[in-house]
Amino acid sequence: MSGKFSEEAKRIMDERFGCDTVIALATTEGKQPWVRMVNAYYEEGSFYVITDTRSNKMRQMEENPLIAVCGEWFTAHGTGEKLGHIREERNKEIA
């Protein structure tokens, strides 16, 4: 999820979410919304979540990548993207 933030907003997001944190992730299946709490990490305008590729949330994001997230004091909308297995070379730094 990328967006345009002021420098102050970037600093606050990095401070509050730049480490292991819990947020709500909303996806849809058909016209039915689904929301669940997930363990996430925030960096440079994106939240990263590690989950099983066979999970409902991944299946739902593949069908409709539009998602929403919510933390203690914010909400945001964006596009979910499957980055592949955590052990892939390109994901080492994120992991």
Protein backbone atom coordinates (compact mmCIF):
# COMPACT_ATOMS: atom_id res chain seq x y z
CA MET A 1 0.00 0.00 0.00
CA SER A 2 1.66 3.14 -1.14
CA GLY A 3 0.51 6.69 -0.70
CA LYS A 4 1.74 10.25 -0.47
CA PHE A 5 2.65 11.12 3.10
CA SER A 6 4.15 14.20 4.68
CA GLU A 7 7.55 13.74 6.29
CA GLU A 8 5.85 13.83 9.70
CA ALA A 9 3.37 11.11 8.69
CA LYS A 10 6.24 8.97 7.33
CA ARG A 11 8.11 9.32 10.62
CA ILE A 12 5.03 8.36 12.65
CA MET A 13 4.26 5.34 10.46
CA ASP A 14 7.87 4.14 10.71
CA GLU A 15 7.87 4.57 14.51
CA ARG A 16 4.55 2.83 15.11
CA PHE A 17 4.61 0.11 12.46
CA GLY A 18 8.27 -0.30 11.43
CA CYS A 19 8.52 -3.46 13.49
CA ASP A 20 6.37 -6.47 14.25
CA THR A 21 2.79 -5.19 14.74
CA VAL A 22 -0.82 -6.36 14.48
CA ILE A 23 -3.28 -4.77 12.04
CA ALA A 24 -6.68 -5.69 10.62
CA LEU A 25 -6.65 -6.82 6.97
CA ALA A 26 -9.88 -6.77 4.95
CA THR A 27 -10.42 -8.69 1.72
CA THR A 28 -13.53 -9.67 -0.21
CA GLU A 29 -14.94 -12.83 -1.70
CA GLY A 30 -17.72 -12.08 -4.14
CA LYS A 31 -19.67 -9.34 -2.37
CA GLN A 32 -18.79 -10.64 1.10
CA PRO A 33 -16.15 -8.71 3.10
CA TRP A 34 -13.73 -10.61 5.34
CA VAL A 35 -11.52 -9.09 8.03
CA ARG A 36 -8.91 -10.63 10.27
CA MET A 37 -6.04 -9.55 12.49
CA VAL A 38 -2.60 -10.22 10.98
CA ASN A 39 0.97 -9.84 12.06
CA ALA A 40 2.53 -7.17 9.81
CA TYR A 41 5.64 -5.10 9.22
CA TYR A 42 5.61 -1.60 7.67
CA GLU A 43 8.34 -0.20 5.43
CA GLU A 44 8.37 2.65 2.89
CA GLY A 45 4.61 2.90 2.43
CA SER A 46 3.82 -0.83 2.40
CA PHE A 47 2.68 -3.39 4.95
CA TYR A 48 4.15 -6.89 4.68
CA VAL A 49 2.32 -9.97 5.98
CA ILE A 50 3.70 -13.51 6.05
CA THR A 51 0.99 -16.11 5.54
CA ASP A 52 0.34 -19.49 3.99
CA THR A 53 -0.13 -19.21 0.22
CA ARG A 54 -3.18 -21.48 0.56
CA SER A 55 -4.93 -19.23 3.10
CA ASN A 56 -8.32 -17.68 2.42
CA LYS A 57 -6.82 -14.19 2.47
CA MET A 58 -4.35 -15.07 -0.29
CA ARG A 59 -7.03 -16.76 -2.38
CA GLN A 60 -9.30 -13.74 -1.91
CA MET A 61 -6.51 -11.27 -2.84
CA GLU A 62 -5.76 -13.23 -6.00
CA GLU A 63 -9.43 -12.94 -7.00
CA ASN A 64 -9.69 -9.26 -5.99
CA PRO A 65 -6.47 -7.47 -4.97
CA LEU A 66 -8.30 -4.44 -3.50
CA ILE A 67 -7.80 -4.55 0.27
CA ALA A 68 -8.08 -2.37 3.35
CA VAL A 69 -6.01 -2.28 6.52
CA CYS A 70 -6.75 -0.75 9.89
CA GLY A 71 -4.57 -0.06 12.89
CA GLU A 72 -5.24 1.52 16.24
CA TRP A 73 -5.56 5.03 14.78
CA PHE A 74 -5.70 4.77 10.99
CA THR A 75 -7.35 3.09 8.02
CA ALA A 76 -6.00 2.71 4.49
CA HIS A 77 -7.01 1.15 1.19
CA GLY A 78 -4.72 -0.30 -1.42
CA THR A 79 -3.74 -3.27 -3.52
CA GLY A 80 -2.51 -6.57 -2.12
CA GLU A 81 0.29 -8.34 -3.93
CA LYS A 82 1.65 -11.85 -3.54
CA LEU A 83 5.45 -11.64 -3.31
CA GLY A 84 6.13 -15.36 -3.25
CA HIS A 85 7.67 -17.69 -0.70
CA ILE A 86 9.52 -16.09 2.19
CA ARG A 87 12.63 -18.15 1.43
CA GLU A 88 12.93 -16.85 -2.13
CA GLU A 89 16.12 -14.86 -2.62
CA ARG A 90 14.23 -11.65 -3.42
CA ASN A 91 12.38 -11.83 -0.07
CA LYS A 92 15.41 -12.36 2.19
CA GLU A 93 15.76 -8.71 3.13
CA ILE A 94 12.05 -8.33 3.96
CA ALA A 95 12.05 -11.54 6.02
